[in-house]
């Protein structure tokens, strides 16, 4: 993407961009990569996730499943491992 932006700028186009690190920030708690069985792939645990609407730190895989079922579009923030 950076190369495309640079080429457009060199050609005289006025370009503005923004970026949001979805995989390392906030997303819908129903996102596939936040499924309890997939958390370990990213070095995460349920306690790595905060359910943003209530600021609840998710306590278990069972609770994460409950939240994903009840409010799949509800935002969740996860802390990157390390």
PDB file of N, CA and C in Angstrom:
ATOM      1  N   UNK A   1       0.819  -1.189   0.000  1.00  0.00           N
ATOM      2  CA  UNK A   1       0.000   0.000   0.000  1.00  0.00           C
ATOM      3  C   UNK A   1       0.867   1.259   0.000  1.00  0.00           C
ATOM      4  N   UNK A   2       1.949   1.229   0.746  1.00  0.00           N
ATOM      5  CA  UNK A   2       2.801   2.402   0.819  1.00  0.00           C
ATOM      6  C   UNK A   2       3.323   2.782  -0.564  1.00  0.00           C
ATOM      7  N   UNK A   3       3.720   1.787  -1.349  1.00  0.00           N
ATOM      8  CA  UNK A   3       4.204   2.058  -2.706  1.00  0.00           C
ATOM      9  C   UNK A   3       3.136   2.707  -3.563  1.00  0.00           C
ATOM     10  N   UNK A   4       1.905   2.249  -3.453  1.00  0.00           N
ATOM     11  CA  UNK A   4       0.802   2.827  -4.214  1.00  0.00           C
ATOM     12  C   UNK A   4       0.582   4.289  -3.821  1.00  0.00           C
ATOM     13  N   UNK A   5       0.609   4.577  -2.548  1.00  0.00           N
ATOM     14  CA  UNK A   5       0.445   5.953  -2.072  1.00  0.00           C
ATOM     15  C   UNK A   5       1.588   6.828  -2.592  1.00  0.00           C
ATOM     16  N   UNK A   6       2.804   6.330  -2.501  1.00  0.00           N
ATOM     17  CA  UNK A   6       3.956   7.117  -2.974  1.00  0.00           C
ATOM     18  C   UNK A   6       3.858   7.393  -4.472  1.00  0.00           C
ATOM     19  N   UNK A   7       3.450   6.411  -5.246  1.00  0.00           N
ATOM     20  CA  UNK A   7       3.295   6.627  -6.700  1.00  0.00           C
ATOM     21  C   UNK A   7       2.219   7.659  -6.984  1.00  0.00           C
ATOM     22  N   UNK A   8       1.127   7.579  -6.276  1.00  0.00           N
ATOM     23  CA  UNK A   8       0.047   8.547  -6.476  1.00  0.00           C
ATOM     24  C   UNK A   8       0.514   9.949  -6.104  1.00  0.00           C
ATOM     25  N   UNK A   9       1.261  10.086  -5.025  1.00  0.00           N
ATOM     26  CA  UNK A   9       1.773  11.394  -4.615  1.00  0.00           C
ATOM     27  C   UNK A   9       2.759  11.942  -5.644  1.00  0.00           C
ATOM     28  N   UNK A  10       3.641  11.087  -6.139  1.00  0.00           N
ATOM     29  CA  UNK A  10       4.594  11.533  -7.166  1.00  0.00           C
ATOM     30  C   UNK A  10       3.875  11.988  -8.428  1.00  0.00           C
ATOM     31  N   UNK A  11       2.728  11.411  -8.704  1.00  0.00           N
ATOM     32  CA  UNK A  11       1.946  11.785  -9.885  1.00  0.00           C
ATOM     33  C   UNK A  11       1.117  13.040  -9.636  1.00  0.00           C
ATOM     34  N   UNK A  12       1.221  13.586  -8.424  1.00  0.00           N
ATOM     35  CA  UNK A  12       0.534  14.838  -8.117  1.00  0.00           C
ATOM     36  C   UNK A  12      -0.793  14.687  -7.400  1.00  0.00           C
ATOM     37  N   UNK A  13      -1.192  13.489  -7.080  1.00  0.00           N
ATOM     38  CA  UNK A  13      -2.458  13.284  -6.376  1.00  0.00           C
ATOM     39  C   UNK A  13      -2.310  13.672  -4.908  1.00  0.00           C
ATOM     40  N   UNK A  14      -3.344  14.259  -4.383  1.00  0.00           N
ATOM     41  CA  UNK A  14      -3.382  14.556  -2.945  1.00  0.00           C
ATOM     42  C   UNK A  14      -3.947  13.320  -2.261  1.00  0.00           C
ATOM     43  N   UNK A  15      -3.140  12.695  -1.438  1.00  0.00           N
ATOM     44  CA  UNK A  15      -3.519  11.431  -0.812  1.00  0.00           C
ATOM     45  C   UNK A  15      -3.454  11.560   0.694  1.00  0.00           C
ATOM     46  N   UNK A  16      -4.458  11.020   1.340  1.00  0.00           N
ATOM     47  CA  UNK A  16      -4.446  10.957   2.794  1.00  0.00           C
ATOM     48  C   UNK A  16      -4.768   9.517   3.179  1.00  0.00           C
ATOM     49  N   UNK A  17      -4.214   9.070   4.263  1.00  0.00           N
ATOM     50  CA  UNK A  17      -4.431   7.686   4.694  1.00  0.00           C
ATOM     51  C   UNK A  17      -4.644   7.636   6.190  1.00  0.00           C
ATOM     52  N   UNK A  18      -5.074   6.498   6.621  1.00  0.00           N
ATOM     53  CA  UNK A  18      -5.141   6.205   8.044  1.00  0.00           C
ATOM     54  C   UNK A  18      -4.993   4.703   8.193  1.00  0.00           C
ATOM     55  N   UNK A  19      -4.651   4.274   9.374  1.00  0.00           N
ATOM     56  CA  UNK A  19      -4.500   2.845   9.616  1.00  0.00           C
ATOM     57  C   UNK A  19      -4.992   2.532  11.020  1.00  0.00           C
ATOM     58  N   UNK A  20      -5.554   1.360  11.146  1.00  0.00           N
ATOM     59  CA  UNK A  20      -6.007   0.896  12.453  1.00  0.00           C
ATOM     60  C   UNK A  20      -5.572  -0.554  12.590  1.00  0.00           C
ATOM     61  N   UNK A  21      -4.832  -0.879  13.612  1.00  0.00           N
ATOM     62  CA  UNK A  21      -4.320  -2.248  13.761  1.00  0.00           C
ATOM     63  C   UNK A  21      -5.395  -3.197  14.300  1.00  0.00           C
ATOM     64  N   UNK A  22      -6.365  -3.552  13.464  1.00  0.00           N
ATOM     65  CA  UNK A  22      -7.487  -4.368  13.926  1.00  0.00           C
ATOM     66  C   UNK A  22      -7.051  -5.629  14.650  1.00  0.00           C
ATOM     67  N   UNK A  23      -6.052  -6.304  14.166  1.00  0.00           N
ATOM     68  CA  UNK A  23      -5.609  -7.527  14.816  1.00  0.00           C
ATOM     69  C   UNK A  23      -4.928  -7.310  16.146  1.00  0.00           C
ATOM     70  N   UNK A  24      -4.612  -6.074  16.480  1.00  0.00           N
ATOM     71  CA  UNK A  24      -3.921  -5.801  17.735  1.00  0.00           C
ATOM     72  C   UNK A  24      -4.646  -4.755  18.558  1.00  0.00           C
ATOM     73  N   UNK A  25      -5.912  -4.583  18.296  1.00  0.00           N
ATOM     74  CA  UNK A  25      -6.635  -3.545  19.008  1.00  0.00           C
ATOM     75  C   UNK A  25      -8.038  -3.971  19.355  1.00  0.00           C
ATOM     76  N   UNK A  26      -8.987  -3.199  18.875  1.00  0.00           N
ATOM     77  CA  UNK A  26     -10.369  -3.438  19.223  1.00  0.00           C
ATOM     78  C   UNK A  26     -11.129  -3.930  18.000  1.00  0.00           C
ATOM     79  N   UNK A  27     -11.946  -4.928  18.195  1.00  0.00           N
ATOM     80  CA  UNK A  27     -12.749  -5.489  17.116  1.00  0.00           C
ATOM     81  C   UNK A  27     -13.981  -6.149  17.719  1.00  0.00           C
ATOM     82  N   UNK A  28     -14.877  -6.618  16.872  1.00  0.00           N
ATOM     83  CA  UNK A  28     -16.052  -7.329  17.357  1.00  0.00           C
ATOM     84  C   UNK A  28     -15.654  -8.596  18.097  1.00  0.00           C
ATOM     85  N   UNK A  29     -16.251  -8.805  19.240  1.00  0.00           N
ATOM     86  CA  UNK A  29     -15.891  -9.977  20.049  1.00  0.00           C
ATOM     87  C   UNK A  29     -16.251 -11.277  19.340  1.00  0.00           C
ATOM     88  N   UNK A  30     -17.099 -11.188  18.331  1.00  0.00           N
ATOM     89  CA  UNK A  30     -17.462 -12.358  17.551  1.00  0.00           C
ATOM     90  C   UNK A  30     -16.494 -12.668  16.422  1.00  0.00           C
ATOM     91  N   UNK A  31     -15.415 -11.907  16.300  1.00  0.00           N
ATOM     92  CA  UNK A  31     -14.436 -12.147  15.237  1.00  0.00           C
ATOM     93  C   UNK A  31     -13.877 -13.561  15.338  1.00  0.00           C
ATOM     94  N   UNK A  32     -13.672 -14.177  14.185  1.00  0.00           N
ATOM     95  CA  UNK A  32     -13.212 -15.570  14.151  1.00  0.00           C
ATOM     96  C   UNK A  32     -11.938 -15.785  14.964  1.00  0.00           C
ATOM     97  N   UNK A  33     -10.995 -14.847  14.904  1.00  0.00           N
ATOM     98  CA  UNK A  33      -9.726 -15.073  15.601  1.00  0.00           C
ATOM     99  C   UNK A  33      -9.852 -14.957  17.113  1.00  0.00           C
ATOM    100  N   UNK A  34     -11.011 -14.482  17.616  1.00  0.00           N
ATOM    101  CA  UNK A  34     -11.229 -14.424  19.058  1.00  0.00           C
ATOM    102  C   UNK A  34     -12.046 -15.606  19.573  1.00  0.00           C
ATOM    103  N   UNK A  35     -12.299 -16.592  18.718  1.00  0.00           N
ATOM    104  CA  UNK A  35     -12.972 -17.806  19.181  1.00  0.00           C
ATOM    105  C   UNK A  35     -12.094 -18.470  20.240  1.00  0.00           C
ATOM    106  N   UNK A  36     -12.703 -18.946  21.316  1.00  0.00           N
ATOM    107  CA  UNK A  36     -11.900 -19.529  22.398  1.00  0.00           C
ATOM    108  C   UNK A  36     -10.889 -20.572  21.929  1.00  0.00           C
ATOM    109  N   UNK A  37     -11.280 -21.403  20.978  1.00  0.00           N
ATOM    110  CA  UNK A  37     -10.381 -22.453  20.507  1.00  0.00           C
ATOM    111  C   UNK A  37      -9.247 -21.938  19.630  1.00  0.00           C
ATOM    112  N   UNK A  38      -9.294 -20.664  19.242  1.00  0.00           N
ATOM    113  CA  UNK A  38      -8.246 -20.109  18.380  1.00  0.00           C
ATOM    114  C   UNK A  38      -7.326 -19.126  19.091  1.00  0.00           C
ATOM    115  N   UNK A  39      -7.627 -18.784  20.319  1.00  0.00           N
ATOM    116  CA  UNK A  39      -6.828 -17.778  21.033  1.00  0.00           C
ATOM    117  C   UNK A  39      -5.355 -18.154  21.130  1.00  0.00           C
ATOM    118  N   UNK A  40      -5.067 -19.406  21.407  1.00  0.00           N
ATOM    119  CA  UNK A  40      -3.679 -19.838  21.591  1.00  0.00           C
ATOM    120  C   UNK A  40      -2.834 -19.605  20.346  1.00  0.00           C
ATOM    121  N   UNK A  41      -3.458 -19.597  19.165  1.00  0.00           N
ATOM    122  CA  UNK A  41      -2.723 -19.333  17.920  1.00  0.00           C
ATOM    123  C   UNK A  41      -2.025 -17.973  17.960  1.00  0.00           C
ATOM    124  N   UNK A  42      -2.583 -17.050  18.733  1.00  0.00           N
ATOM    125  CA  UNK A  42      -2.033 -15.703  18.838  1.00  0.00           C
ATOM    126  C   UNK A  42      -1.397 -15.450  20.201  1.00  0.00           C
ATOM    127  N   UNK A  43      -1.236 -16.501  20.982  1.00  0.00           N
ATOM    128  CA  UNK A  43      -0.634 -16.350  22.300  1.00  0.00           C
ATOM    129  C   UNK A  43      -1.556 -15.654  23.286  1.00  0.00           C
ATOM    130  N   UNK A  44      -2.880 -15.755  23.076  1.00  0.00           N
ATOM    131  CA  UNK A  44      -3.855 -15.093  23.932  1.00  0.00           C
ATOM    132  C   UNK A  44      -4.574 -16.103  24.805  1.00  0.00           C
ATOM    133  N   UNK A  45      -5.214 -15.604  25.850  1.00  0.00           N
ATOM    134  CA  UNK A  45      -6.125 -16.377  26.688  1.00  0.00           C
ATOM    135  C   UNK A  45      -7.396 -15.539  26.818  1.00  0.00           C
ATOM    136  N   UNK A  46      -8.489 -16.113  27.323  1.00  0.00           N
ATOM    137  CA  UNK A  46      -9.684 -15.293  27.521  1.00  0.00           C
ATOM    138  C   UNK A  46      -9.410 -14.055  28.381  1.00  0.00           C
ATOM    139  N   UNK A  47      -8.525 -14.165  29.360  1.00  0.00           N
ATOM    140  CA  UNK A  47      -8.223 -13.016  30.228  1.00  0.00           C
ATOM    141  C   UNK A  47      -7.473 -11.902  29.490  1.00  0.00           C
ATOM    142  N   UNK A  48      -7.011 -12.189  28.280  1.00  0.00           N
ATOM    143  CA  UNK A  48      -6.362 -11.165  27.455  1.00  0.00           C
ATOM    144  C   UNK A  48      -7.377 -10.201  26.856  1.00  0.00           C
ATOM    145  N   UNK A  49      -8.667 -10.564  26.947  1.00  0.00           N
ATOM    146  CA  UNK A  49      -9.728  -9.812  26.279  1.00  0.00           C
ATOM    147  C   UNK A  49     -10.553  -9.034  27.281  1.00  0.00           C
ATOM    148  N   UNK A  50     -10.829  -7.792  26.954  1.00  0.00           N
ATOM    149  CA  UNK A  50     -11.742  -6.957  27.725  1.00  0.00           C
ATOM    150  C   UNK A  50     -12.962  -6.685  26.869  1.00  0.00           C
ATOM    151  N   UNK A  51     -14.137  -7.000  27.377  1.00  0.00           N
ATOM    152  CA  UNK A  51     -15.396  -6.714  26.691  1.00  0.00           C
ATOM    153  C   UNK A  51     -15.701  -5.246  26.925  1.00  0.00           C
ATOM    154  N   UNK A  52     -15.541  -4.443  25.893  1.00  0.00           N
ATOM    155  CA  UNK A  52     -15.568  -2.984  26.028  1.00  0.00           C
ATOM    156  C   UNK A  52     -16.872  -2.409  26.582  1.00  0.00           C
ATOM    157  N   UNK A  53     -18.061  -2.898  26.185  1.00  0.00           N
ATOM    158  CA  UNK A  53     -19.282  -2.262  26.696  1.00  0.00           C
ATOM    159  C   UNK A  53     -19.390  -2.217  28.221  1.00  0.00           C
ATOM    160  N   UNK A  54     -18.823  -3.227  28.893  1.00  0.00           N
ATOM    161  CA  UNK A  54     -18.911  -3.263  30.362  1.00  0.00           C
ATOM    162  C   UNK A  54     -17.544  -3.181  31.030  1.00  0.00           C
ATOM    163  N   UNK A  55     -16.496  -3.139  30.222  1.00  0.00           N
ATOM    164  CA  UNK A  55     -15.113  -3.141  30.713  1.00  0.00           C
ATOM    165  C   UNK A  55     -14.763  -4.412  31.482  1.00  0.00           C
ATOM    166  N   UNK A  56     -15.479  -5.460  31.179  1.00  0.00           N
ATOM    167  CA  UNK A  56     -15.251  -6.745  31.836  1.00  0.00           C
ATOM    168  C   UNK A  56     -14.034  -7.445  31.247  1.00  0.00           C
ATOM    169  N   UNK A  57     -13.125  -7.842  32.117  1.00  0.00           N
ATOM    170  CA  UNK A  57     -12.034  -8.697  31.672  1.00  0.00           C
ATOM    171  C   UNK A  57     -12.608 -10.108  31.623  1.00  0.00           C
ATOM    172  N   UNK A  58     -12.586 -10.714  30.456  1.00  0.00           N
ATOM    173  CA  UNK A  58     -13.205 -12.026  30.265  1.00  0.00           C
ATOM    174  C   UNK A  58     -12.475 -13.053  31.127  1.00  0.00           C
ATOM    175  N   UNK A  59     -13.243 -13.774  31.924  1.00  0.00           N
ATOM    176  CA  UNK A  59     -12.641 -14.653  32.920  1.00  0.00           C
ATOM    177  C   UNK A  59     -12.365 -16.072  32.447  1.00  0.00           C
ATOM    178  N   UNK A  60     -13.062 -16.517  31.405  1.00  0.00           N
ATOM    179  CA  UNK A  60     -12.910 -17.915  30.999  1.00  0.00           C
ATOM    180  C   UNK A  60     -13.364 -18.103  29.552  1.00  0.00           C
ATOM    181  N   UNK A  61     -13.041 -19.255  29.004  1.00  0.00           N
ATOM    182  CA  UNK A  61     -13.493 -19.584  27.647  1.00  0.00           C
ATOM    183  C   UNK A  61     -15.012 -19.664  27.609  1.00  0.00           C
ATOM    184  N   UNK A  62     -15.628 -20.173  28.680  1.00  0.00           N
ATOM    185  CA  UNK A  62     -17.090 -20.264  28.734  1.00  0.00           C
ATOM    186  C   UNK A  62     -17.722 -18.871  28.689  1.00  0.00           C
ATOM    187  N   UNK A  63     -17.155 -17.941  29.438  1.00  0.00           N
ATOM    188  CA  UNK A  63     -17.692 -16.570  29.448  1.00  0.00           C
ATOM    189  C   UNK A  63     -17.489 -15.920  28.088  1.00  0.00           C
ATOM    190  N   UNK A  64     -16.353 -16.141  27.471  1.00  0.00           N
ATOM    191  CA  UNK A  64     -16.105 -15.593  26.138  1.00  0.00           C
ATOM    192  C   UNK A  64     -17.148 -16.124  25.161  1.00  0.00           C
ATOM    193  N   UNK A  65     -17.448 -17.398  25.229  1.00  0.00           N
ATOM    194  CA  UNK A  65     -18.473 -17.983  24.359  1.00  0.00           C
ATOM    195  C   UNK A  65     -19.832 -17.342  24.598  1.00  0.00           C
ATOM    196  N   UNK A  66     -20.174 -17.100  25.862  1.00  0.00           N
ATOM    197  CA  UNK A  66     -21.440 -16.434  26.195  1.00  0.00           C
ATOM    198  C   UNK A  66     -21.518 -15.057  25.552  1.00  0.00           C
ATOM    199  N   UNK A  67     -20.462 -14.276  25.696  1.00  0.00           N
ATOM    200  CA  UNK A  67     -20.442 -12.916  25.136  1.00  0.00           C
ATOM    201  C   UNK A  67     -20.527 -12.954  23.618  1.00  0.00           C
ATOM    202  N   UNK A  68     -19.826 -13.890  23.005  1.00  0.00           N
ATOM    203  CA  UNK A  68     -19.829 -14.009  21.547  1.00  0.00           C
ATOM    204  C   UNK A  68     -21.222 -14.373  21.035  1.00  0.00           C
ATOM    205  N   UNK A  69     -21.957 -15.176  21.800  1.00  0.00           N
ATOM    206  CA  UNK A  69     -23.311 -15.557  21.408  1.00  0.00           C
ATOM    207  C   UNK A  69     -24.290 -14.411  21.628  1.00  0.00           C
ATOM    208  N   UNK A  70     -24.203 -13.763  22.774  1.00  0.00           N
ATOM    209  CA  UNK A  70     -25.142 -12.707  23.135  1.00  0.00           C
ATOM    210  C   UNK A  70     -24.931 -11.416  22.347  1.00  0.00           C
ATOM    211  N   UNK A  71     -23.696 -11.086  22.027  1.00  0.00           N
ATOM    212  CA  UNK A  71     -23.397  -9.798  21.390  1.00  0.00           C
ATOM    213  C   UNK A  71     -22.186  -9.932  20.474  1.00  0.00           C
ATOM    214  N   UNK A  72     -22.313 -10.678  19.366  1.00  0.00           N
ATOM    215  CA  UNK A  72     -21.150 -10.922  18.508  1.00  0.00           C
ATOM    216  C   UNK A  72     -20.520  -9.654  17.935  1.00  0.00           C
ATOM    217  N   UNK A  73     -21.298  -8.593  17.808  1.00  0.00           N
ATOM    218  CA  UNK A  73     -20.752  -7.332  17.295  1.00  0.00           C
ATOM    219  C   UNK A  73     -20.230  -6.423  18.379  1.00  0.00           C
ATOM    220  N   UNK A  74     -20.404  -6.817  19.641  1.00  0.00           N
ATOM    221  CA  UNK A  74     -19.902  -6.014  20.752  1.00  0.00           C
ATOM    222  C   UNK A  74     -18.388  -5.926  20.684  1.00  0.00           C
ATOM    223  N   UNK A  75     -17.860  -4.796  21.006  1.00  0.00           N
ATOM    224  CA  UNK A  75     -16.428  -4.610  20.858  1.00  0.00           C
ATOM    225  C   UNK A  75     -15.655  -5.253  22.006  1.00  0.00           C
ATOM    226  N   UNK A  76     -14.525  -5.784  21.611  1.00  0.00           N
ATOM    227  CA  UNK A  76     -13.620  -6.367  22.574  1.00  0.00           C
ATOM    228  C   UNK A  76     -12.217  -5.861  22.276  1.00  0.00           C
ATOM    229  N   UNK A  77     -11.468  -5.598  23.303  1.00  0.00           N
ATOM    230  CA  UNK A  77     -10.088  -5.155  23.165  1.00  0.00           C
ATOM    231  C   UNK A  77      -9.221  -6.280  23.700  1.00  0.00           C
ATOM    232  N   UNK A  78      -8.164  -6.580  22.964  1.00  0.00           N
ATOM    233  CA  UNK A  78      -7.286  -7.617  23.482  1.00  0.00           C
ATOM    234  C   UNK A  78      -5.858  -7.097  23.560  1.00  0.00           C
ATOM    235  N   UNK A  79      -5.215  -7.527  24.588  1.00  0.00           N
ATOM    236  CA  UNK A  79      -3.825  -7.159  24.818  1.00  0.00           C
ATOM    237  C   UNK A  79      -2.942  -8.154  24.079  1.00  0.00           C
ATOM    238  N   UNK A  80      -2.018  -7.638  23.327  1.00  0.00           N
ATOM    239  CA  UNK A  80      -1.054  -8.498  22.642  1.00  0.00           C
ATOM    240  C   UNK A  80      -0.188  -9.202  23.681  1.00  0.00           C
ATOM    241  N   UNK A  81       0.202 -10.434  23.413  1.00  0.00           N
ATOM    242  CA  UNK A  81       1.054 -11.134  24.365  1.00  0.00           C
ATOM    243  C   UNK A  81       2.408 -10.443  24.500  1.00  0.00           C
ATOM    244  N   UNK A  82       2.986 -10.619  25.665  1.00  0.00           N
ATOM    245  CA  UNK A  82       4.326 -10.086  25.888  1.00  0.00           C
ATOM    246  C   UNK A  82       4.266  -8.856  26.610  1.00  0.00           C
TER     247      UNK A  82
END
